């Protein structure tokens, strides 16, 4: 079996695969990743561990615990060692591992060109061409970060539950904040998707527009994907296990390479 570990800034997701089938999934706050986090795995049956991490200080802990508890040397995926994916980026070290893993998974599962919208601690947009090239993307504050910034950086705004109010025009402070967070992010997704498409298909673009087509696949993932995508029609697919699936694919490719 393969153990996939997605280390995010807020939460770490573990996925246990039997071949291509995800048979078990569990979560841990990233700040509390410990030997107990690996307790849900079937220790004796794990033959490989693949990790994508955006939190370097957690990496050493995972390495030690995987060696000690599972007897396996974990493979940390980066933009520099990811197989197959062609990365059109000046400095690969700057790209988060989760973004390139998502890009590989999205292209393999849904084809290209595609745009991945990941609603995590940050809200990210990643773009893959028809040829499977990672073209880059955009990064915005995540919804929770935006909510917390309003609460901590203002004198009177409360910390609100992130949910959609009945109306876009709020009649009180709480509903006005909820509207800005939910419908504001809906508008951002719709606007960014449209602008990304326009840039790629522009005849003057540095990307060859003739190699693309207008049928972009828009894939959403991350904690708030279901909430935001409920109020927009631009997203084609919600895939909450996209990163784990990407790690499983990379594990399979590595096994075939040896």
C-alpha atoms as a PDB file:
ATOM      1  CA  UNK A   1       0.000   0.000   0.000  1.00  0.00           C
ATOM      2  CA  UNK A   2       0.991   3.602  -0.567  1.00  0.00           C
ATOM      3  CA  UNK A   3       0.599   6.320   2.041  1.00  0.00           C
ATOM      4  CA  UNK A   4       0.077   9.819   0.603  1.00  0.00           C
ATOM      5  CA  UNK A   5       0.609  12.807   2.898  1.00  0.00           C
ATOM      6  CA  UNK A   6      -0.452  16.344   1.976  1.00  0.00           C
ATOM      7  CA  UNK A   7       1.048  18.820   4.470  1.00  0.00           C
ATOM      8  CA  UNK A   8      -0.794  22.134   4.300  1.00  0.00           C
ATOM      9  CA  UNK A   9      -0.279  25.280   6.347  1.00  0.00           C
ATOM     10  CA  UNK A  10      -3.340  24.558   8.483  1.00  0.00           C
ATOM     11  CA  UNK A  11      -4.195  20.890   8.059  1.00  0.00           C
ATOM     12  CA  UNK A  12      -2.391  17.708   7.014  1.00  0.00           C
ATOM     13  CA  UNK A  13      -4.279  15.053   5.063  1.00  0.00           C
ATOM     14  CA  UNK A  14      -3.306  11.386   5.004  1.00  0.00           C
ATOM     15  CA  UNK A  15      -4.535   8.970   2.345  1.00  0.00           C
ATOM     16  CA  UNK A  16      -3.937   5.218   2.205  1.00  0.00           C
ATOM     17  CA  UNK A  17      -4.071   3.696  -1.286  1.00  0.00           C
ATOM     18  CA  UNK A  18      -4.438   0.100  -2.375  1.00  0.00           C
ATOM     19  CA  UNK A  19      -3.417   0.475  -6.005  1.00  0.00           C
ATOM     20  CA  UNK A  20      -5.459   3.393  -7.345  1.00  0.00           C
ATOM     21  CA  UNK A  21      -8.166   2.999  -4.704  1.00  0.00           C
ATOM     22  CA  UNK A  22      -8.217   5.382  -1.750  1.00  0.00           C
ATOM     23  CA  UNK A  23      -9.170   3.041   1.086  1.00  0.00           C
ATOM     24  CA  UNK A  24      -8.690   5.319   4.087  1.00  0.00           C
ATOM     25  CA  UNK A  25      -8.345   9.037   4.721  1.00  0.00           C
ATOM     26  CA  UNK A  26      -7.731  11.016   7.907  1.00  0.00           C
ATOM     27  CA  UNK A  27      -6.623  14.473   9.010  1.00  0.00           C
ATOM     28  CA  UNK A  28      -4.467  16.215  11.591  1.00  0.00           C
ATOM     29  CA  UNK A  29      -3.793  19.868  12.387  1.00  0.00           C
ATOM     30  CA  UNK A  30      -0.385  20.479  10.849  1.00  0.00           C
ATOM     31  CA  UNK A  31       0.957  22.022  14.058  1.00  0.00           C
ATOM     32  CA  UNK A  32       0.132  18.762  15.865  1.00  0.00           C
ATOM     33  CA  UNK A  33       1.496  16.229  13.373  1.00  0.00           C
ATOM     34  CA  UNK A  34       3.048  13.470  15.503  1.00  0.00           C
ATOM     35  CA  UNK A  35       3.433   9.669  15.669  1.00  0.00           C
ATOM     36  CA  UNK A  36      -0.277   9.522  16.526  1.00  0.00           C
ATOM     37  CA  UNK A  37      -1.031  11.058  13.128  1.00  0.00           C
ATOM     38  CA  UNK A  38       0.314   7.901  11.494  1.00  0.00           C
ATOM     39  CA  UNK A  39      -1.596   5.593  13.826  1.00  0.00           C
ATOM     40  CA  UNK A  40      -4.487   5.126  11.412  1.00  0.00           C
ATOM     41  CA  UNK A  41      -2.223   3.580   8.764  1.00  0.00           C
ATOM     42  CA  UNK A  42      -1.865  -0.157   8.297  1.00  0.00           C
ATOM     43  CA  UNK A  43       1.818  -0.144   9.238  1.00  0.00           C
ATOM     44  CA  UNK A  44       2.939  -3.559   8.043  1.00  0.00           C
ATOM     45  CA  UNK A  45       1.318  -3.164   4.638  1.00  0.00           C
ATOM     46  CA  UNK A  46       2.801   0.214   3.639  1.00  0.00           C
ATOM     47  CA  UNK A  47       5.514  -0.115   1.010  1.00  0.00           C
ATOM     48  CA  UNK A  48       5.954   3.564   0.101  1.00  0.00           C
ATOM     49  CA  UNK A  49       5.208   7.055   1.397  1.00  0.00           C
ATOM     50  CA  UNK A  50       4.868  10.106  -0.862  1.00  0.00           C
ATOM     51  CA  UNK A  51       4.633  13.585   0.620  1.00  0.00           C
ATOM     52  CA  UNK A  52       3.940  17.059  -0.661  1.00  0.00           C
ATOM     53  CA  UNK A  53       4.621  19.681   1.967  1.00  0.00           C
ATOM     54  CA  UNK A  54       4.496  23.465   2.162  1.00  0.00           C
ATOM     55  CA  UNK A  55       5.656  23.516   5.795  1.00  0.00           C
ATOM     56  CA  UNK A  56       9.428  22.789   5.932  1.00  0.00           C
ATOM     57  CA  UNK A  57       9.578  22.561   9.734  1.00  0.00           C
ATOM     58  CA  UNK A  58       7.224  19.563   9.655  1.00  0.00           C
ATOM     59  CA  UNK A  59       9.290  17.658   7.078  1.00  0.00           C
ATOM     60  CA  UNK A  60      11.942  16.426   9.510  1.00  0.00           C
ATOM     61  CA  UNK A  61       9.286  15.117  11.904  1.00  0.00           C
ATOM     62  CA  UNK A  62       7.631  13.167   9.118  1.00  0.00           C
ATOM     63  CA  UNK A  63      10.932  11.741   7.895  1.00  0.00           C
ATOM     64  CA  UNK A  64      11.866  10.497  11.355  1.00  0.00           C
ATOM     65  CA  UNK A  65       8.441   9.036  12.119  1.00  0.00           C
ATOM     66  CA  UNK A  66       8.042   7.317   8.735  1.00  0.00           C
ATOM     67  CA  UNK A  67      11.430   5.662   9.159  1.00  0.00           C
ATOM     68  CA  UNK A  68      10.794   4.736  12.788  1.00  0.00           C
ATOM     69  CA  UNK A  69       7.144   3.644  12.698  1.00  0.00           C
ATOM     70  CA  UNK A  70       6.726   2.447   9.118  1.00  0.00           C
ATOM     71  CA  UNK A  71      10.248   1.446   8.158  1.00  0.00           C
ATOM     72  CA  UNK A  72       9.878   3.460   4.960  1.00  0.00           C
ATOM     73  CA  UNK A  73      11.924   6.352   3.560  1.00  0.00           C
ATOM     74  CA  UNK A  74       9.384   9.014   2.498  1.00  0.00           C
ATOM     75  CA  UNK A  75       9.685  10.659  -0.919  1.00  0.00           C
ATOM     76  CA  UNK A  76       9.077  14.429  -0.795  1.00  0.00           C
ATOM     77  CA  UNK A  77       7.686  15.686  -4.095  1.00  0.00           C
ATOM     78  CA  UNK A  78       8.855  19.106  -5.305  1.00  0.00           C
ATOM     79  CA  UNK A  79       8.610  21.092  -8.518  1.00  0.00           C
ATOM     80  CA  UNK A  80      12.193  19.999  -9.215  1.00  0.00           C
ATOM     81  CA  UNK A  81      11.635  16.236  -9.017  1.00  0.00           C
ATOM     82  CA  UNK A  82       8.013  15.778 -10.110  1.00  0.00           C
ATOM     83  CA  UNK A  83       7.812  13.420 -13.098  1.00  0.00           C
ATOM     84  CA  UNK A  84       6.215  14.147 -16.495  1.00  0.00           C
ATOM     85  CA  UNK A  85       4.942  17.663 -15.711  1.00  0.00           C
ATOM     86  CA  UNK A  86       6.638  20.372 -17.775  1.00  0.00           C
ATOM     87  CA  UNK A  87       7.034  23.465 -15.632  1.00  0.00           C
ATOM     88  CA  UNK A  88       7.246  26.841 -17.364  1.00  0.00           C
ATOM     89  CA  UNK A  89       8.462  28.779 -14.346  1.00  0.00           C
ATOM     90  CA  UNK A  90      11.628  30.805 -13.802  1.00  0.00           C
ATOM     91  CA  UNK A  91      12.460  29.416 -10.355  1.00  0.00           C
ATOM     92  CA  UNK A  92      10.999  25.998  -9.587  1.00  0.00           C
ATOM     93  CA  UNK A  93      12.006  26.266  -5.924  1.00  0.00           C
ATOM     94  CA  UNK A  94       9.373  28.976  -5.456  1.00  0.00           C
ATOM     95  CA  UNK A  95       6.442  26.744  -6.430  1.00  0.00           C
ATOM     96  CA  UNK A  96       4.526  24.976  -3.672  1.00  0.00           C
ATOM     97  CA  UNK A  97       4.653  21.192  -3.965  1.00  0.00           C
ATOM     98  CA  UNK A  98       0.872  20.958  -3.594  1.00  0.00           C
ATOM     99  CA  UNK A  99       0.365  23.162  -6.657  1.00  0.00           C
ATOM    100  CA  UNK A 100       2.439  20.996  -8.995  1.00  0.00           C
ATOM    101  CA  UNK A 101       0.981  17.765  -7.594  1.00  0.00           C
ATOM    102  CA  UNK A 102      -2.526  19.151  -8.189  1.00  0.00           C
ATOM    103  CA  UNK A 103      -1.505  20.209 -11.695  1.00  0.00           C
ATOM    104  CA  UNK A 104      -0.255  16.739 -12.576  1.00  0.00           C
ATOM    105  CA  UNK A 105      -3.369  15.066 -11.172  1.00  0.00           C
ATOM    106  CA  UNK A 106      -5.752  17.476 -12.890  1.00  0.00           C
ATOM    107  CA  UNK A 107      -4.092  17.064 -16.278  1.00  0.00           C
ATOM    108  CA  UNK A 108      -3.980  13.255 -16.002  1.00  0.00           C
ATOM    109  CA  UNK A 109      -7.590  12.999 -14.812  1.00  0.00           C
ATOM    110  CA  UNK A 110      -9.328  15.783 -16.717  1.00  0.00           C
ATOM    111  CA  UNK A 111      -7.026  16.834 -19.556  1.00  0.00           C
ATOM    112  CA  UNK A 112      -5.978  20.299 -20.596  1.00  0.00           C
ATOM    113  CA  UNK A 113      -6.082  23.163 -20.807  1.00  0.00           C
ATOM    114  CA  UNK A 114      -7.350  23.428 -17.263  1.00  0.00           C
ATOM    115  CA  UNK A 115      -7.447  25.787 -14.319  1.00  0.00           C
ATOM    116  CA  UNK A 116      -7.272  24.491 -10.753  1.00  0.00           C
ATOM    117  CA  UNK A 117      -8.770  26.600  -7.980  1.00  0.00           C
ATOM    118  CA  UNK A 118      -7.605  25.462  -4.547  1.00  0.00           C
ATOM    119  CA  UNK A 119      -9.475  26.886  -1.556  1.00  0.00           C
ATOM    120  CA  UNK A 120      -6.881  26.331   1.157  1.00  0.00           C
ATOM    121  CA  UNK A 121      -5.112  28.653   3.591  1.00  0.00           C
ATOM    122  CA  UNK A 122      -4.434  30.609   0.404  1.00  0.00           C
ATOM    123  CA  UNK A 123      -6.743  30.562  -2.587  1.00  0.00           C
ATOM    124  CA  UNK A 124      -4.621  29.595  -5.563  1.00  0.00           C
ATOM    125  CA  UNK A 125      -5.195  29.438  -9.306  1.00  0.00           C
ATOM    126  CA  UNK A 126      -2.961  27.113 -11.337  1.00  0.00           C
ATOM    127  CA  UNK A 127      -2.969  26.848 -15.113  1.00  0.00           C
ATOM    128  CA  UNK A 128      -2.046  23.838 -17.254  1.00  0.00           C
ATOM    129  CA  UNK A 129      -1.833  23.984 -21.042  1.00  0.00           C
ATOM    130  CA  UNK A 130      -3.196  21.541 -23.611  1.00  0.00           C
ATOM    131  CA  UNK A 131       0.275  19.958 -23.708  1.00  0.00           C
ATOM    132  CA  UNK A 132       0.433  19.373 -19.969  1.00  0.00           C
ATOM    133  CA  UNK A 133       2.664  22.357 -19.235  1.00  0.00           C
ATOM    134  CA  UNK A 134       2.413  24.073 -15.860  1.00  0.00           C
ATOM    135  CA  UNK A 135       2.165  27.728 -16.878  1.00  0.00           C
ATOM    136  CA  UNK A 136       1.942  29.388 -13.469  1.00  0.00           C
ATOM    137  CA  UNK A 137      -0.989  30.985 -11.713  1.00  0.00           C
ATOM    138  CA  UNK A 138      -2.129  33.392  -9.033  1.00  0.00           C
ATOM    139  CA  UNK A 139      -2.264  33.456  -5.235  1.00  0.00           C
ATOM    140  CA  UNK A 140      -4.822  35.288  -3.070  1.00  0.00           C
ATOM    141  CA  UNK A 141      -5.562  35.139   0.666  1.00  0.00           C
ATOM    142  CA  UNK A 142      -7.740  32.209   1.651  1.00  0.00           C
ATOM    143  CA  UNK A 143     -11.263  32.779   2.916  1.00  0.00           C
ATOM    144  CA  UNK A 144     -10.390  31.978   6.524  1.00  0.00           C
ATOM    145  CA  UNK A 145      -7.367  34.295   6.377  1.00  0.00           C
ATOM    146  CA  UNK A 146      -9.549  37.096   5.009  1.00  0.00           C
ATOM    147  CA  UNK A 147     -12.162  36.556   7.723  1.00  0.00           C
ATOM    148  CA  UNK A 148      -9.531  36.486  10.479  1.00  0.00           C
ATOM    149  CA  UNK A 149      -7.800  39.595   9.121  1.00  0.00           C
ATOM    150  CA  UNK A 150     -11.083  41.524   9.294  1.00  0.00           C
ATOM    151  CA  UNK A 151     -11.580  40.371  12.869  1.00  0.00           C
ATOM    152  CA  UNK A 152      -8.041  41.045  14.119  1.00  0.00           C
ATOM    153  CA  UNK A 153      -7.276  44.214  12.193  1.00  0.00           C
ATOM    154  CA  UNK A 154     -10.474  46.135  12.928  1.00  0.00           C
ATOM    155  CA  UNK A 155     -11.927  47.448  16.151  1.00  0.00           C
ATOM    156  CA  UNK A 156     -15.565  46.495  15.736  1.00  0.00           C
ATOM    157  CA  UNK A 157     -15.936  43.698  13.192  1.00  0.00           C
ATOM    158  CA  UNK A 158     -16.765  40.308  14.748  1.00  0.00           C
ATOM    159  CA  UNK A 159     -15.385  36.870  13.879  1.00  0.00           C
ATOM    160  CA  UNK A 160     -18.180  35.430  11.751  1.00  0.00           C
ATOM    161  CA  UNK A 161     -19.114  31.945  10.612  1.00  0.00           C
ATOM    162  CA  UNK A 162     -18.208  31.491   6.955  1.00  0.00           C
ATOM    163  CA  UNK A 163     -21.509  30.723   5.254  1.00  0.00           C
ATOM    164  CA  UNK A 164     -23.682  32.274   2.564  1.00  0.00           C
ATOM    165  CA  UNK A 165     -26.253  34.826   3.772  1.00  0.00           C
ATOM    166  CA  UNK A 166     -29.687  34.929   2.156  1.00  0.00           C
ATOM    167  CA  UNK A 167     -28.962  38.145   0.291  1.00  0.00           C
ATOM    168  CA  UNK A 168     -25.887  39.664  -1.295  1.00  0.00           C
ATOM    169  CA  UNK A 169     -26.807  43.030   0.207  1.00  0.00           C
ATOM    170  CA  UNK A 170     -26.281  42.515   3.920  1.00  0.00           C
ATOM    171  CA  UNK A 171     -28.745  44.130   6.326  1.00  0.00           C
ATOM    172  CA  UNK A 172     -26.396  43.873   9.323  1.00  0.00           C
ATOM    173  CA  UNK A 173     -22.658  43.591   9.966  1.00  0.00           C
ATOM    174  CA  UNK A 174     -22.539  39.794  10.163  1.00  0.00           C
ATOM    175  CA  UNK A 175     -24.483  39.182   6.946  1.00  0.00           C
ATOM    176  CA  UNK A 176     -22.513  41.929   5.172  1.00  0.00           C
ATOM    177  CA  UNK A 177     -19.242  40.236   6.137  1.00  0.00           C
ATOM    178  CA  UNK A 178     -20.554  36.825   5.126  1.00  0.00           C
ATOM    179  CA  UNK A 179     -21.655  38.221   1.782  1.00  0.00           C
ATOM    180  CA  UNK A 180     -18.238  39.723   1.149  1.00  0.00           C
ATOM    181  CA  UNK A 181     -16.494  36.489   2.061  1.00  0.00           C
ATOM    182  CA  UNK A 182     -18.704  34.054   0.135  1.00  0.00           C
ATOM    183  CA  UNK A 183     -20.089  36.032  -2.796  1.00  0.00           C
ATOM    184  CA  UNK A 184     -16.910  38.093  -2.969  1.00  0.00           C
ATOM    185  CA  UNK A 185     -14.865  34.932  -3.474  1.00  0.00           C
ATOM    186  CA  UNK A 186     -17.403  33.640  -5.988  1.00  0.00           C
ATOM    187  CA  UNK A 187     -16.901  36.845  -7.979  1.00  0.00           C
ATOM    188  CA  UNK A 188     -13.125  36.541  -7.654  1.00  0.00           C
ATOM    189  CA  UNK A 189     -13.179  32.988  -9.008  1.00  0.00           C
ATOM    190  CA  UNK A 190     -15.413  33.948 -11.928  1.00  0.00           C
ATOM    191  CA  UNK A 191     -13.335  37.019 -12.714  1.00  0.00           C
ATOM    192  CA  UNK A 192      -9.971  35.272 -12.442  1.00  0.00           C
ATOM    193  CA  UNK A 193     -11.078  32.328 -14.574  1.00  0.00           C
ATOM    194  CA  UNK A 194     -12.266  34.707 -17.285  1.00  0.00           C
ATOM    195  CA  UNK A 195      -9.080  36.790 -17.167  1.00  0.00           C
ATOM    196  CA  UNK A 196      -6.830  33.702 -17.266  1.00  0.00           C
ATOM    197  CA  UNK A 197      -8.698  32.365 -20.300  1.00  0.00           C
ATOM    198  CA  UNK A 198      -8.445  35.740 -22.052  1.00  0.00           C
ATOM    199  CA  UNK A 199      -4.717  35.970 -21.411  1.00  0.00           C
ATOM    200  CA  UNK A 200      -3.968  32.486 -22.716  1.00  0.00           C
ATOM    201  CA  UNK A 201      -6.127  32.872 -25.815  1.00  0.00           C
ATOM    202  CA  UNK A 202      -4.817  36.355 -26.650  1.00  0.00           C
ATOM    203  CA  UNK A 203      -3.018  36.169 -30.029  1.00  0.00           C
ATOM    204  CA  UNK A 204      -0.226  38.324 -28.562  1.00  0.00           C
ATOM    205  CA  UNK A 205       0.266  36.012 -25.588  1.00  0.00           C
ATOM    206  CA  UNK A 206       3.711  34.496 -25.013  1.00  0.00           C
ATOM    207  CA  UNK A 207       1.826  31.189 -24.734  1.00  0.00           C
ATOM    208  CA  UNK A 208       0.953  29.770 -28.151  1.00  0.00           C
ATOM    209  CA  UNK A 209      -2.844  30.315 -28.313  1.00  0.00           C
ATOM    210  CA  UNK A 210      -3.124  28.066 -31.366  1.00  0.00           C
ATOM    211  CA  UNK A 211      -2.025  25.133 -29.224  1.00  0.00           C
ATOM    212  CA  UNK A 212      -4.920  25.741 -26.834  1.00  0.00           C
ATOM    213  CA  UNK A 213      -8.670  25.547 -27.144  1.00  0.00           C
ATOM    214  CA  UNK A 214     -11.499  27.459 -25.515  1.00  0.00           C
ATOM    215  CA  UNK A 215     -12.833  24.415 -23.669  1.00  0.00           C
ATOM    216  CA  UNK A 216     -10.988  24.885 -20.401  1.00  0.00           C
ATOM    217  CA  UNK A 217     -11.700  22.467 -17.583  1.00  0.00           C
ATOM    218  CA  UNK A 218     -12.101  24.238 -14.260  1.00  0.00           C
ATOM    219  CA  UNK A 219     -11.363  22.005 -11.268  1.00  0.00           C
ATOM    220  CA  UNK A 220     -11.891  23.087  -7.674  1.00  0.00           C
ATOM    221  CA  UNK A 221     -10.403  21.534  -4.562  1.00  0.00           C
ATOM    222  CA  UNK A 222      -9.782  22.497  -0.930  1.00  0.00           C
ATOM    223  CA  UNK A 223     -11.880  23.025   2.157  1.00  0.00           C
ATOM    224  CA  UNK A 224     -14.265  25.711   0.884  1.00  0.00           C
ATOM    225  CA  UNK A 225     -14.656  24.396  -2.661  1.00  0.00           C
ATOM    226  CA  UNK A 226     -18.165  23.048  -2.131  1.00  0.00           C
ATOM    227  CA  UNK A 227     -19.402  26.229  -0.472  1.00  0.00           C
ATOM    228  CA  UNK A 228     -18.064  28.623  -3.121  1.00  0.00           C
ATOM    229  CA  UNK A 229     -18.843  26.413  -6.123  1.00  0.00           C
ATOM    230  CA  UNK A 230     -22.465  26.144  -5.034  1.00  0.00           C
ATOM    231  CA  UNK A 231     -22.935  29.732  -6.208  1.00  0.00           C
ATOM    232  CA  UNK A 232     -21.126  29.655  -9.542  1.00  0.00           C
ATOM    233  CA  UNK A 233     -21.387  27.721 -12.784  1.00  0.00           C
ATOM    234  CA  UNK A 234     -17.812  28.248 -13.995  1.00  0.00           C
ATOM    235  CA  UNK A 235     -16.447  25.213 -12.119  1.00  0.00           C
ATOM    236  CA  UNK A 236     -16.789  21.873 -13.915  1.00  0.00           C
ATOM    237  CA  UNK A 237     -15.567  19.506 -11.222  1.00  0.00           C
ATOM    238  CA  UNK A 238     -14.959  19.481  -7.478  1.00  0.00           C
ATOM    239  CA  UNK A 239     -12.269  16.970  -6.505  1.00  0.00           C
ATOM    240  CA  UNK A 240     -11.430  17.075  -2.817  1.00  0.00           C
ATOM    241  CA  UNK A 241      -8.877  14.260  -3.128  1.00  0.00           C
ATOM    242  CA  UNK A 242      -6.962  15.829  -6.022  1.00  0.00           C
ATOM    243  CA  UNK A 243      -3.645  16.167  -4.164  1.00  0.00           C
ATOM    244  CA  UNK A 244      -3.780  12.654  -2.717  1.00  0.00           C
ATOM    245  CA  UNK A 245      -4.570  11.245  -6.160  1.00  0.00           C
ATOM    246  CA  UNK A 246      -1.611  13.141  -7.591  1.00  0.00           C
ATOM    247  CA  UNK A 247       0.725  11.671  -4.974  1.00  0.00           C
ATOM    248  CA  UNK A 248      -0.570   8.176  -5.764  1.00  0.00           C
ATOM    249  CA  UNK A 249       0.100   8.757  -9.479  1.00  0.00           C
ATOM    250  CA  UNK A 250       3.639   9.926  -8.757  1.00  0.00           C
ATOM    251  CA  UNK A 251       4.217   6.851  -6.603  1.00  0.00           C
ATOM    252  CA  UNK A 252       3.039   4.651  -9.455  1.00  0.00           C
ATOM    253  CA  UNK A 253       5.280   6.449 -11.962  1.00  0.00           C
ATOM    254  CA  UNK A 254       8.290   6.096  -9.671  1.00  0.00           C
ATOM    255  CA  UNK A 255       7.626   2.386  -9.228  1.00  0.00           C
ATOM    256  CA  UNK A 256       7.504   1.895 -12.998  1.00  0.00           C
ATOM    257  CA  UNK A 257      10.778   3.799 -13.408  1.00  0.00           C
ATOM    258  CA  UNK A 258      12.690   1.215 -11.377  1.00  0.00           C
END
